[in-house]
Amino acid sequence: MKVTIEFDTDNAAFAENFEMEITRVMKSAKEVLSESCNNTNIHRQLIDSYGNRIGSVAILQPAA
């Protein structure tokens, strides 16, 4: 299984308070992982505090 968390920090939400926004986005990613109930092949968008799509969190089962 592969977990990928990826997001872009080149926008106003991160410019105002970088550490707080990183913490908020990582909390959102953690919630996705916690709610996955060990399911694989999950891909969800990550959103900044202004509602912009900034990246994603994914859980993928490698092909056999």
C-alpha atoms as a PDB file:
ATOM      1  CA  MET A   1       0.000   0.000   0.000  1.00  0.00           C
ATOM      2  CA  LYS A   2       1.254   3.489  -0.800  1.00  0.00           C
ATOM      3  CA  VAL A   3       0.095   6.687   0.924  1.00  0.00           C
ATOM      4  CA  THR A   4       0.791   9.982  -0.831  1.00  0.00           C
ATOM      5  CA  ILE A   5       0.105  13.440   0.595  1.00  0.00           C
ATOM      6  CA  GLU A   6       0.929  16.255  -1.776  1.00  0.00           C
ATOM      7  CA  PHE A   7      -0.065  19.920  -1.821  1.00  0.00           C
ATOM      8  CA  ASP A   8       1.091  23.291  -3.117  1.00  0.00           C
ATOM      9  CA  THR A   9       1.829  26.119  -0.672  1.00  0.00           C
ATOM     10  CA  ASP A  10       2.151  28.929  -3.241  1.00  0.00           C
ATOM     11  CA  ASN A  11      -1.000  30.869  -2.388  1.00  0.00           C
ATOM     12  CA  ALA A  12      -2.346  33.502   0.012  1.00  0.00           C
ATOM     13  CA  ALA A  13      -3.576  31.041   2.655  1.00  0.00           C
ATOM     14  CA  PHE A  14       0.009  29.932   3.298  1.00  0.00           C
ATOM     15  CA  ALA A  15       1.482  33.435   2.986  1.00  0.00           C
ATOM     16  CA  GLU A  16      -0.628  34.713   5.884  1.00  0.00           C
ATOM     17  CA  ASN A  17       0.239  32.000   8.406  1.00  0.00           C
ATOM     18  CA  PHE A  18       2.311  29.181   6.937  1.00  0.00           C
ATOM     19  CA  GLU A  19       2.558  26.942  10.010  1.00  0.00           C
ATOM     20  CA  MET A  20      -1.136  27.215  10.887  1.00  0.00           C
ATOM     21  CA  GLU A  21      -2.219  26.407   7.336  1.00  0.00           C
ATOM     22  CA  ILE A  22       0.191  23.448   7.066  1.00  0.00           C
ATOM     23  CA  THR A  23      -1.210  22.115  10.355  1.00  0.00           C
ATOM     24  CA  ARG A  24      -4.790  22.529   9.139  1.00  0.00           C
ATOM     25  CA  VAL A  25      -4.129  20.789   5.809  1.00  0.00           C
ATOM     26  CA  MET A  26      -2.264  17.917   7.478  1.00  0.00           C
ATOM     27  CA  LYS A  27      -5.173  17.499   9.908  1.00  0.00           C
ATOM     28  CA  SER A  28      -7.497  17.174   6.900  1.00  0.00           C
ATOM     29  CA  ALA A  29      -5.181  14.550   5.388  1.00  0.00           C
ATOM     30  CA  LYS A  30      -5.141  12.682   8.706  1.00  0.00           C
ATOM     31  CA  GLU A  31      -8.952  12.642   8.760  1.00  0.00           C
ATOM     32  CA  VAL A  32      -9.050  11.107   5.279  1.00  0.00           C
ATOM     33  CA  LEU A  33      -6.610   8.409   6.364  1.00  0.00           C
ATOM     34  CA  SER A  34      -8.529   7.733   9.593  1.00  0.00           C
ATOM     35  CA  GLU A  35     -11.849   7.491   7.763  1.00  0.00           C
ATOM     36  CA  SER A  36     -10.451   5.148   5.129  1.00  0.00           C
ATOM     37  CA  CYS A  37     -10.996   2.113   7.405  1.00  0.00           C
ATOM     38  CA  ASN A  38      -8.030   0.365   5.754  1.00  0.00           C
ATOM     39  CA  ASN A  39      -9.601   0.736   2.305  1.00  0.00           C
ATOM     40  CA  THR A  40      -7.262   1.201  -0.612  1.00  0.00           C
ATOM     41  CA  ASN A  41      -7.544   3.156  -3.823  1.00  0.00           C
ATOM     42  CA  ILE A  42      -8.741   6.346  -2.142  1.00  0.00           C
ATOM     43  CA  HIS A  43      -7.964   9.737  -3.664  1.00  0.00           C
ATOM     44  CA  ARG A  44      -9.287  12.931  -2.046  1.00  0.00           C
ATOM     45  CA  GLN A  45      -8.610  16.587  -2.736  1.00  0.00           C
ATOM     46  CA  LEU A  46      -7.033  18.820  -0.094  1.00  0.00           C
ATOM     47  CA  ILE A  47      -8.481  22.316   0.274  1.00  0.00           C
ATOM     48  CA  ASP A  48      -6.896  25.442   1.771  1.00  0.00           C
ATOM     49  CA  SER A  49      -8.720  27.737   4.208  1.00  0.00           C
ATOM     50  CA  TYR A  50      -9.978  29.837   1.265  1.00  0.00           C
ATOM     51  CA  GLY A  51     -11.586  26.829  -0.410  1.00  0.00           C
ATOM     52  CA  ASN A  52      -8.962  26.396  -3.134  1.00  0.00           C
ATOM     53  CA  ARG A  53      -7.919  22.913  -4.219  1.00  0.00           C
ATOM     54  CA  ILE A  54      -4.224  22.672  -3.374  1.00  0.00           C
ATOM     55  CA  GLY A  55      -3.402  18.974  -3.601  1.00  0.00           C
ATOM     56  CA  SER A  56      -4.491  15.518  -2.601  1.00  0.00           C
ATOM     57  CA  VAL A  57      -4.140  12.580  -0.281  1.00  0.00           C
ATOM     58  CA  ALA A  58      -4.193   9.117  -1.805  1.00  0.00           C
ATOM     59  CA  ILE A  59      -4.034   5.528  -0.623  1.00  0.00           C
ATOM     60  CA  LEU A  60      -3.193   3.130  -3.419  1.00  0.00           C
ATOM     61  CA  GLN A  61      -2.757  -0.595  -3.482  1.00  0.00           C
ATOM     62  CA  PRO A  62       0.026  -1.499  -5.927  1.00  0.00           C
ATOM     63  CA  ALA A  63      -0.955  -3.671  -8.849  1.00  0.00           C
ATOM     64  CA  ALA A  64      -0.238  -7.344  -8.245  1.00  0.00           C
END
